[in-house]
Amino acid sequence: MKRISLIVFLLNLLCLTIKAESQVIATADSAYMADEYNRAAELYLKAISEEGPSSKLYYNLGNSYYRMGELGKSILAYERSLRLDPTDQDTRDNLAFVNARITDRPGERGTFLGNSLDATASAMKSDTWAWIAFGTFLLTVAGVLTYLFAGAIGLRKIGFFGGIVTFILCAVSIFFAIRSAANAISDDAAIVTAPSTILSTAPRTPRDRSQEAMLLHEGTRVSILDSVKSTTDSVQSVWYDVQVDNTHRAWINAMDVEKI
């Protein structure tokens, strides 16, 4: 009897927790609809902190930041949303919309092959790729068994060649599952969140014009290659060695960017 009472108590506690969590999101949605975008953003951040990240919450957060005119934080939120669900077309559309409105226009990034592989990997979640790999593995096993034990020559040929095809598909699916998962957890990409920042030729604040590499504005995406700590006038700061595009590389203050 005591065990039943404990189970009922835990279920009631779980229901109250879910209700409270949902209330935060509902309040955030109401604030957004009432054009209270700053409050909505704060509540979405609270929901992410308390309930855990989700594609939908980051999507709504990105919308709130865009309405507030903070394009850098908006792009950052959309990018994080796509890390969790790369198939969300609404997030992709909004990200492209905001990217078209930022100041900087970096040149070509990466290689054609690498970009193509990433685009294919992001067509589905890593879990989906993994399930496809599992399914094609089962088909490969079925093909091998058909080849070994089927009596008819035609069935054995189907098992042999079908097993080869499904084995290749299984290997390809595993590759894209791994690549999709790696893209989702990588920490080598960041978004400029400061209104503007001057990049340096060395990991410190430029002392004169000759040490200024380039000027970047909020919303620009960069790839982090390395990081060092620098001390200037007893003030310690972190600097990232970043690649803006295939032809531009410099140092940026870590305070001016945020990792995706």
C-alpha atoms as a PDB file:
ATOM      1  CA  MET A   1       0.000   0.000   0.000  1.00  0.00           C
ATOM      2  CA  LYS A   2       2.869   2.342   0.845  1.00  0.00           C
ATOM      3  CA  ARG A   3       4.480   1.583  -2.521  1.00  0.00           C
ATOM      4  CA  ILE A   4       1.247   2.526  -4.365  1.00  0.00           C
ATOM      5  CA  SER A   5       1.007   5.773  -2.409  1.00  0.00           C
ATOM      6  CA  LEU A   6       4.612   6.613  -3.274  1.00  0.00           C
ATOM      7  CA  ILE A   7       3.995   5.956  -6.980  1.00  0.00           C
ATOM      8  CA  VAL A   8       0.878   8.149  -6.929  1.00  0.00           C
ATOM      9  CA  PHE A   9       2.827  10.901  -5.157  1.00  0.00           C
ATOM     10  CA  LEU A  10       5.648  10.762  -7.720  1.00  0.00           C
ATOM     11  CA  LEU A  11       3.186  10.829 -10.622  1.00  0.00           C
ATOM     12  CA  ASN A  12       1.428  13.867  -9.150  1.00  0.00           C
ATOM     13  CA  LEU A  13       4.789  15.578  -8.642  1.00  0.00           C
ATOM     14  CA  LEU A  14       5.750  14.836 -12.263  1.00  0.00           C
ATOM     15  CA  CYS A  15       2.450  16.260 -13.526  1.00  0.00           C
ATOM     16  CA  LEU A  16       2.934  19.433 -11.472  1.00  0.00           C
ATOM     17  CA  THR A  17       6.491  19.800 -12.805  1.00  0.00           C
ATOM     18  CA  ILE A  18       5.374  19.396 -16.429  1.00  0.00           C
ATOM     19  CA  LYS A  19       2.567  21.882 -15.866  1.00  0.00           C
ATOM     20  CA  ALA A  20       4.966  24.428 -14.353  1.00  0.00           C
ATOM     21  CA  GLU A  21       7.451  23.969 -17.186  1.00  0.00           C
ATOM     22  CA  SER A  22       4.756  24.358 -19.800  1.00  0.00           C
ATOM     23  CA  GLN A  23       3.564  27.502 -18.051  1.00  0.00           C
ATOM     24  CA  VAL A  24       6.938  29.169 -18.645  1.00  0.00           C
ATOM     25  CA  ILE A  25       6.722  28.473 -22.359  1.00  0.00           C
ATOM     26  CA  ALA A  26       3.073  29.542 -22.506  1.00  0.00           C
ATOM     27  CA  THR A  27       3.957  32.813 -20.784  1.00  0.00           C
ATOM     28  CA  ALA A  28       6.837  33.336 -23.215  1.00  0.00           C
ATOM     29  CA  ASP A  29       4.534  32.707 -26.178  1.00  0.00           C
ATOM     30  CA  SER A  30       2.005  35.188 -24.764  1.00  0.00           C
ATOM     31  CA  ALA A  31       4.721  37.800 -24.275  1.00  0.00           C
ATOM     32  CA  TYR A  32       5.859  37.335 -27.878  1.00  0.00           C
ATOM     33  CA  MET A  33       2.309  37.719 -29.190  1.00  0.00           C
ATOM     34  CA  ALA A  34       1.966  40.891 -27.107  1.00  0.00           C
ATOM     35  CA  ASP A  35       5.118  42.319 -28.769  1.00  0.00           C
ATOM     36  CA  GLU A  36       7.023  42.049 -25.473  1.00  0.00           C
ATOM     37  CA  TYR A  37      10.020  40.539 -27.219  1.00  0.00           C
ATOM     38  CA  ASN A  38      12.586  41.242 -24.512  1.00  0.00           C
ATOM     39  CA  ARG A  39      10.460  39.461 -21.896  1.00  0.00           C
ATOM     40  CA  ALA A  40       9.745  36.625 -24.339  1.00  0.00           C
ATOM     41  CA  ALA A  41      13.473  36.126 -24.946  1.00  0.00           C
ATOM     42  CA  GLU A  42      14.164  36.038 -21.207  1.00  0.00           C
ATOM     43  CA  LEU A  43      11.434  33.444 -20.681  1.00  0.00           C
ATOM     44  CA  TYR A  44      12.598  31.281 -23.587  1.00  0.00           C
ATOM     45  CA  LEU A  45      16.118  31.353 -22.129  1.00  0.00           C
ATOM     46  CA  LYS A  46      14.664  30.372 -18.757  1.00  0.00           C
ATOM     47  CA  ALA A  47      12.781  27.478 -20.351  1.00  0.00           C
ATOM     48  CA  ILE A  48      15.972  26.324 -22.101  1.00  0.00           C
ATOM     49  CA  SER A  49      17.886  26.501 -18.826  1.00  0.00           C
ATOM     50  CA  GLU A  50      15.261  24.693 -16.756  1.00  0.00           C
ATOM     51  CA  GLU A  51      13.788  22.233 -19.252  1.00  0.00           C
ATOM     52  CA  GLY A  52      16.748  21.669 -21.536  1.00  0.00           C
ATOM     53  CA  PRO A  53      17.395  22.877 -25.083  1.00  0.00           C
ATOM     54  CA  SER A  54      15.017  22.112 -27.920  1.00  0.00           C
ATOM     55  CA  SER A  55      14.822  23.111 -31.554  1.00  0.00           C
ATOM     56  CA  LYS A  56      11.475  24.839 -31.055  1.00  0.00           C
ATOM     57  CA  LEU A  57      12.636  26.911 -28.085  1.00  0.00           C
ATOM     58  CA  TYR A  58      15.732  28.127 -29.921  1.00  0.00           C
ATOM     59  CA  TYR A  59      13.574  28.888 -32.966  1.00  0.00           C
ATOM     60  CA  ASN A  60      11.232  31.037 -30.873  1.00  0.00           C
ATOM     61  CA  LEU A  61      14.225  32.661 -29.179  1.00  0.00           C
ATOM     62  CA  GLY A  62      15.682  33.529 -32.579  1.00  0.00           C
ATOM     63  CA  ASN A  63      12.394  35.112 -33.623  1.00  0.00           C
ATOM     64  CA  SER A  64      12.358  37.200 -30.440  1.00  0.00           C
ATOM     65  CA  TYR A  65      15.910  38.431 -30.956  1.00  0.00           C
ATOM     66  CA  TYR A  66      15.155  39.334 -34.557  1.00  0.00           C
ATOM     67  CA  ARG A  67      12.168  41.414 -33.458  1.00  0.00           C
ATOM     68  CA  MET A  68      14.473  43.157 -30.976  1.00  0.00           C
ATOM     69  CA  GLY A  69      16.915  43.995 -33.766  1.00  0.00           C
ATOM     70  CA  GLU A  70      19.681  41.774 -32.361  1.00  0.00           C
ATOM     71  CA  LEU A  71      20.595  39.979 -35.566  1.00  0.00           C
ATOM     72  CA  GLY A  72      23.705  38.296 -34.194  1.00  0.00           C
ATOM     73  CA  LYS A  73      21.868  36.622 -31.321  1.00  0.00           C
ATOM     74  CA  SER A  74      18.998  35.763 -33.655  1.00  0.00           C
ATOM     75  CA  ILE A  75      21.339  33.930 -36.057  1.00  0.00           C
ATOM     76  CA  LEU A  76      23.026  32.210 -33.112  1.00  0.00           C
ATOM     77  CA  ALA A  77      19.666  30.913 -31.841  1.00  0.00           C
ATOM     78  CA  TYR A  78      18.637  29.679 -35.304  1.00  0.00           C
ATOM     79  CA  GLU A  79      21.991  27.912 -35.723  1.00  0.00           C
ATOM     80  CA  ARG A  80      21.532  26.186 -32.369  1.00  0.00           C
ATOM     81  CA  SER A  81      18.013  25.195 -33.385  1.00  0.00           C
ATOM     82  CA  LEU A  82      19.370  23.543 -36.535  1.00  0.00           C
ATOM     83  CA  ARG A  83      21.982  21.704 -34.485  1.00  0.00           C
ATOM     84  CA  LEU A  84      19.090  19.945 -32.734  1.00  0.00           C
ATOM     85  CA  ASP A  85      16.877  19.534 -35.805  1.00  0.00           C
ATOM     86  CA  PRO A  86      18.632  20.170 -39.128  1.00  0.00           C
ATOM     87  CA  THR A  87      15.438  19.259 -41.010  1.00  0.00           C
ATOM     88  CA  ASP A  88      13.361  22.182 -39.691  1.00  0.00           C
ATOM     89  CA  GLN A  89      12.583  24.171 -42.838  1.00  0.00           C
ATOM     90  CA  ASP A  90      11.061  27.133 -40.956  1.00  0.00           C
ATOM     91  CA  THR A  91      14.313  27.633 -39.077  1.00  0.00           C
ATOM     92  CA  ARG A  92      16.320  27.342 -42.297  1.00  0.00           C
ATOM     93  CA  ASP A  93      14.121  29.921 -44.012  1.00  0.00           C
ATOM     94  CA  ASN A  94      14.362  32.375 -41.100  1.00  0.00           C
ATOM     95  CA  LEU A  95      18.126  31.908 -40.863  1.00  0.00           C
ATOM     96  CA  ALA A  96      18.529  32.643 -44.568  1.00  0.00           C
ATOM     97  CA  PHE A  97      16.230  35.672 -44.193  1.00  0.00           C
ATOM     98  CA  VAL A  98      18.299  37.167 -41.344  1.00  0.00           C
ATOM     99  CA  ASN A  99      21.638  36.289 -42.971  1.00  0.00           C
ATOM    100  CA  ALA A 100      20.545  38.312 -45.996  1.00  0.00           C
ATOM    101  CA  ARG A 101      20.233  41.382 -43.752  1.00  0.00           C
ATOM    102  CA  ILE A 102      23.603  41.418 -42.000  1.00  0.00           C
ATOM    103  CA  THR A 103      26.380  43.751 -43.102  1.00  0.00           C
ATOM    104  CA  ASP A 104      29.231  41.367 -43.913  1.00  0.00           C
ATOM    105  CA  ARG A 105      29.383  39.129 -46.982  1.00  0.00           C
ATOM    106  CA  PRO A 106      32.236  36.634 -46.485  1.00  0.00           C
ATOM    107  CA  GLY A 107      33.656  34.802 -49.474  1.00  0.00           C
ATOM    108  CA  GLU A 108      33.564  31.097 -50.187  1.00  0.00           C
ATOM    109  CA  ARG A 109      33.911  28.818 -47.174  1.00  0.00           C
ATOM    110  CA  GLY A 110      35.174  25.258 -47.100  1.00  0.00           C
ATOM    111  CA  THR A 111      35.417  22.976 -50.107  1.00  0.00           C
ATOM    112  CA  PHE A 112      32.764  21.871 -52.553  1.00  0.00           C
ATOM    113  CA  LEU A 113      33.064  18.256 -51.409  1.00  0.00           C
ATOM    114  CA  GLY A 114      32.975  19.094 -47.712  1.00  0.00           C
ATOM    115  CA  ASN A 115      30.021  21.439 -48.100  1.00  0.00           C
ATOM    116  CA  SER A 116      28.154  18.843 -50.167  1.00  0.00           C
ATOM    117  CA  LEU A 117      28.734  16.136 -47.564  1.00  0.00           C
ATOM    118  CA  ASP A 118      27.579  18.447 -44.766  1.00  0.00           C
ATOM    119  CA  ALA A 119      24.466  19.398 -46.726  1.00  0.00           C
ATOM    120  CA  THR A 120      23.630  15.732 -47.260  1.00  0.00           C
ATOM    121  CA  ALA A 121      24.286  14.874 -43.606  1.00  0.00           C
ATOM    122  CA  SER A 122      22.021  17.699 -42.440  1.00  0.00           C
ATOM    123  CA  ALA A 123      19.175  16.491 -44.655  1.00  0.00           C
ATOM    124  CA  MET A 124      18.212  14.184 -41.771  1.00  0.00           C
ATOM    125  CA  LYS A 125      18.915  13.876 -38.054  1.00  0.00           C
ATOM    126  CA  SER A 126      21.772  11.622 -36.989  1.00  0.00           C
ATOM    127  CA  ASP A 127      19.221   9.300 -35.349  1.00  0.00           C
ATOM    128  CA  THR A 128      17.406   8.936 -38.669  1.00  0.00           C
ATOM    129  CA  TRP A 129      20.637   8.095 -40.471  1.00  0.00           C
ATOM    130  CA  ALA A 130      21.401   5.552 -37.742  1.00  0.00           C
ATOM    131  CA  TRP A 131      18.010   3.871 -38.161  1.00  0.00           C
ATOM    132  CA  ILE A 132      18.534   3.700 -41.921  1.00  0.00           C
ATOM    133  CA  ALA A 133      21.914   2.086 -41.292  1.00  0.00           C
ATOM    134  CA  PHE A 134      20.302  -0.445 -38.957  1.00  0.00           C
ATOM    135  CA  GLY A 135      17.576  -1.248 -41.473  1.00  0.00           C
ATOM    136  CA  THR A 136      19.998  -1.718 -44.355  1.00  0.00           C
ATOM    137  CA  PHE A 137      22.193  -3.883 -42.100  1.00  0.00           C
ATOM    138  CA  LEU A 138      19.234  -6.194 -41.486  1.00  0.00           C
ATOM    139  CA  LEU A 139      18.597  -6.321 -45.231  1.00  0.00           C
ATOM    140  CA  THR A 140      22.260  -7.179 -45.784  1.00  0.00           C
ATOM    141  CA  VAL A 141      22.001 -10.065 -43.337  1.00  0.00           C
ATOM    142  CA  ALA A 142      18.823 -11.218 -45.065  1.00  0.00           C
ATOM    143  CA  GLY A 143      20.637 -11.086 -48.411  1.00  0.00           C
ATOM    144  CA  VAL A 144      23.542 -13.161 -47.082  1.00  0.00           C
ATOM    145  CA  LEU A 145      21.186 -15.766 -45.636  1.00  0.00           C
ATOM    146  CA  THR A 146      19.238 -15.893 -48.903  1.00  0.00           C
ATOM    147  CA  TYR A 147      22.457 -16.427 -50.855  1.00  0.00           C
ATOM    148  CA  LEU A 148      23.640 -19.189 -48.516  1.00  0.00           C
ATOM    149  CA  PHE A 149      20.434 -21.145 -48.046  1.00  0.00           C
ATOM    150  CA  ALA A 150      18.083 -20.417 -50.951  1.00  0.00           C
ATOM    151  CA  GLY A 151      17.633 -23.323 -53.347  1.00  0.00           C
ATOM    152  CA  ALA A 152      16.728 -21.356 -56.486  1.00  0.00           C
ATOM    153  CA  ILE A 153      19.585 -19.761 -58.441  1.00  0.00           C
ATOM    154  CA  GLY A 154      17.510 -16.629 -59.046  1.00  0.00           C
ATOM    155  CA  LEU A 155      16.944 -16.079 -55.332  1.00  0.00           C
ATOM    156  CA  ARG A 156      20.627 -16.623 -54.593  1.00  0.00           C
ATOM    157  CA  LYS A 157      21.575 -13.983 -57.172  1.00  0.00           C
ATOM    158  CA  ILE A 158      19.066 -11.549 -55.656  1.00  0.00           C
ATOM    159  CA  GLY A 159      20.491 -12.256 -52.201  1.00  0.00           C
ATOM    160  CA  PHE A 160      24.090 -11.788 -53.394  1.00  0.00           C
ATOM    161  CA  PHE A 161      23.715  -8.572 -55.367  1.00  0.00           C
ATOM    162  CA  GLY A 162      21.022  -7.199 -53.071  1.00  0.00           C
ATOM    163  CA  GLY A 163      23.293  -7.817 -50.087  1.00  0.00           C
ATOM    164  CA  ILE A 164      26.110  -5.887 -51.776  1.00  0.00           C
ATOM    165  CA  VAL A 165      23.832  -2.906 -52.467  1.00  0.00           C
ATOM    166  CA  THR A 166      22.380  -2.820 -48.954  1.00  0.00           C
ATOM    167  CA  PHE A 167      25.859  -3.196 -47.437  1.00  0.00           C
ATOM    168  CA  ILE A 168      27.017  -0.114 -49.368  1.00  0.00           C
ATOM    169  CA  LEU A 169      23.903   1.790 -48.284  1.00  0.00           C
ATOM    170  CA  CYS A 170      24.538   0.726 -44.692  1.00  0.00           C
ATOM    171  CA  ALA A 171      28.125   2.002 -44.812  1.00  0.00           C
ATOM    172  CA  VAL A 172      27.025   5.296 -46.378  1.00  0.00           C
ATOM    173  CA  SER A 173      24.305   5.755 -43.759  1.00  0.00           C
ATOM    174  CA  ILE A 174      26.774   5.115 -40.942  1.00  0.00           C
ATOM    175  CA  PHE A 175      29.137   7.702 -42.441  1.00  0.00           C
ATOM    176  CA  PHE A 176      26.419  10.360 -42.612  1.00  0.00           C
ATOM    177  CA  ALA A 177      25.119   9.456 -39.137  1.00  0.00           C
ATOM    178  CA  ILE A 178      28.599  10.050 -37.719  1.00  0.00           C
ATOM    179  CA  ARG A 179      29.067  13.263 -39.713  1.00  0.00           C
ATOM    180  CA  SER A 180      25.640  14.596 -38.705  1.00  0.00           C
ATOM    181  CA  ALA A 181      26.327  13.847 -35.030  1.00  0.00           C
ATOM    182  CA  ALA A 182      29.787  15.459 -35.255  1.00  0.00           C
ATOM    183  CA  ASN A 183      28.312  18.611 -36.795  1.00  0.00           C
ATOM    184  CA  ALA A 184      25.723  18.775 -34.015  1.00  0.00           C
ATOM    185  CA  ILE A 185      28.284  18.751 -31.190  1.00  0.00           C
ATOM    186  CA  SER A 186      31.227  20.574 -32.782  1.00  0.00           C
ATOM    187  CA  ASP A 187      32.394  23.707 -30.990  1.00  0.00           C
ATOM    188  CA  ASP A 188      34.551  25.187 -33.750  1.00  0.00           C
ATOM    189  CA  ALA A 189      31.928  27.593 -35.124  1.00  0.00           C
ATOM    190  CA  ALA A 190      30.849  30.906 -33.636  1.00  0.00           C
ATOM    191  CA  ILE A 191      28.707  33.934 -34.416  1.00  0.00           C
ATOM    192  CA  VAL A 192      29.778  37.547 -33.932  1.00  0.00           C
ATOM    193  CA  THR A 193      27.360  38.979 -31.350  1.00  0.00           C
ATOM    194  CA  ALA A 194      28.986  42.362 -30.815  1.00  0.00           C
ATOM    195  CA  PRO A 195      27.606  45.183 -33.017  1.00  0.00           C
ATOM    196  CA  SER A 196      31.056  45.393 -34.609  1.00  0.00           C
ATOM    197  CA  THR A 197      34.577  44.239 -33.817  1.00  0.00           C
ATOM    198  CA  ILE A 198      38.042  44.815 -35.233  1.00  0.00           C
ATOM    199  CA  LEU A 199      40.045  41.666 -35.817  1.00  0.00           C
ATOM    200  CA  SER A 200      43.767  41.746 -35.134  1.00  0.00           C
ATOM    201  CA  THR A 201      46.846  40.281 -36.792  1.00  0.00           C
ATOM    202  CA  ALA A 202      47.995  39.130 -33.323  1.00  0.00           C
ATOM    203  CA  PRO A 203      46.107  37.796 -30.272  1.00  0.00           C
ATOM    204  CA  ARG A 204      45.750  41.187 -28.601  1.00  0.00           C
ATOM    205  CA  THR A 205      43.991  44.496 -29.108  1.00  0.00           C
ATOM    206  CA  PRO A 206      45.477  46.228 -32.169  1.00  0.00           C
ATOM    207  CA  ARG A 207      47.934  48.943 -31.136  1.00  0.00           C
ATOM    208  CA  ASP A 208      47.768  50.774 -34.453  1.00  0.00           C
ATOM    209  CA  ARG A 209      46.207  50.527 -37.897  1.00  0.00           C
ATOM    210  CA  SER A 210      48.920  48.184 -39.123  1.00  0.00           C
ATOM    211  CA  GLN A 211      47.735  45.502 -36.657  1.00  0.00           C
ATOM    212  CA  GLU A 212      44.080  45.753 -37.682  1.00  0.00           C
ATOM    213  CA  ALA A 213      43.126  42.844 -39.917  1.00  0.00           C
ATOM    214  CA  MET A 214      39.476  43.549 -40.754  1.00  0.00           C
ATOM    215  CA  LEU A 215      36.186  44.813 -39.412  1.00  0.00           C
ATOM    216  CA  LEU A 216      33.305  42.406 -38.792  1.00  0.00           C
ATOM    217  CA  HIS A 217      29.720  43.093 -37.762  1.00  0.00           C
ATOM    218  CA  GLU A 218      27.161  41.109 -35.798  1.00  0.00           C
ATOM    219  CA  GLY A 219      25.789  37.972 -37.345  1.00  0.00           C
ATOM    220  CA  THR A 220      28.927  36.921 -39.211  1.00  0.00           C
ATOM    221  CA  ARG A 221      29.834  33.268 -38.810  1.00  0.00           C
ATOM    222  CA  VAL A 222      33.472  32.329 -38.201  1.00  0.00           C
ATOM    223  CA  SER A 223      35.353  29.056 -37.726  1.00  0.00           C
ATOM    224  CA  ILE A 224      37.551  28.805 -34.631  1.00  0.00           C
ATOM    225  CA  LEU A 225      40.980  27.317 -35.338  1.00  0.00           C
ATOM    226  CA  ASP A 226      42.796  28.023 -32.079  1.00  0.00           C
ATOM    227  CA  SER A 227      42.579  30.076 -28.885  1.00  0.00           C
ATOM    228  CA  VAL A 228      45.106  31.741 -26.592  1.00  0.00           C
ATOM    229  CA  LYS A 229      45.031  33.843 -23.446  1.00  0.00           C
ATOM    230  CA  SER A 230      46.490  37.319 -23.684  1.00  0.00           C
ATOM    231  CA  THR A 231      47.363  39.847 -20.962  1.00  0.00           C
ATOM    232  CA  THR A 232      47.354  43.565 -21.693  1.00  0.00           C
ATOM    233  CA  ASP A 233      47.822  46.117 -18.892  1.00  0.00           C
ATOM    234  CA  SER A 234      47.200  43.355 -16.303  1.00  0.00           C
ATOM    235  CA  VAL A 235      43.885  42.510 -17.975  1.00  0.00           C
ATOM    236  CA  GLN A 236      43.620  38.941 -19.208  1.00  0.00           C
ATOM    237  CA  SER A 237      41.481  38.081 -22.211  1.00  0.00           C
ATOM    238  CA  VAL A 238      40.919  35.164 -24.553  1.00  0.00           C
ATOM    239  CA  TRP A 239      41.490  35.498 -28.285  1.00  0.00           C
ATOM    240  CA  TYR A 240      40.328  33.138 -31.026  1.00  0.00           C
ATOM    241  CA  ASP A 241      42.232  32.467 -34.223  1.00  0.00           C
ATOM    242  CA  VAL A 242      39.326  32.429 -36.677  1.00  0.00           C
ATOM    243  CA  GLN A 243      38.749  31.757 -40.351  1.00  0.00           C
ATOM    244  CA  VAL A 244      36.162  34.115 -41.850  1.00  0.00           C
ATOM    245  CA  ASP A 245      36.319  32.542 -45.308  1.00  0.00           C
ATOM    246  CA  ASN A 246      38.875  30.709 -47.424  1.00  0.00           C
ATOM    247  CA  THR A 247      41.040  33.809 -47.823  1.00  0.00           C
ATOM    248  CA  HIS A 248      40.611  35.724 -44.541  1.00  0.00           C
ATOM    249  CA  ARG A 249      42.001  34.658 -41.175  1.00  0.00           C
ATOM    250  CA  ALA A 250      42.720  36.761 -38.073  1.00  0.00           C
ATOM    251  CA  TRP A 251      42.363  37.013 -34.283  1.00  0.00           C
ATOM    252  CA  ILE A 252      39.147  38.060 -32.563  1.00  0.00           C
ATOM    253  CA  ASN A 253      38.362  38.799 -28.926  1.00  0.00           C
ATOM    254  CA  ALA A 254      36.330  35.935 -27.459  1.00  0.00           C
ATOM    255  CA  MET A 255      34.000  38.482 -25.825  1.00  0.00           C
ATOM    256  CA  ASP A 256      32.746  39.538 -29.256  1.00  0.00           C
ATOM    257  CA  VAL A 257      31.606  36.094 -30.404  1.00  0.00           C
ATOM    258  CA  GLU A 258      29.623  33.204 -29.009  1.00  0.00           C
ATOM    259  CA  LYS A 259      30.116  29.566 -29.936  1.00  0.00           C
ATOM    260  CA  ILE A 260      27.179  27.819 -31.573  1.00  0.00           C
END
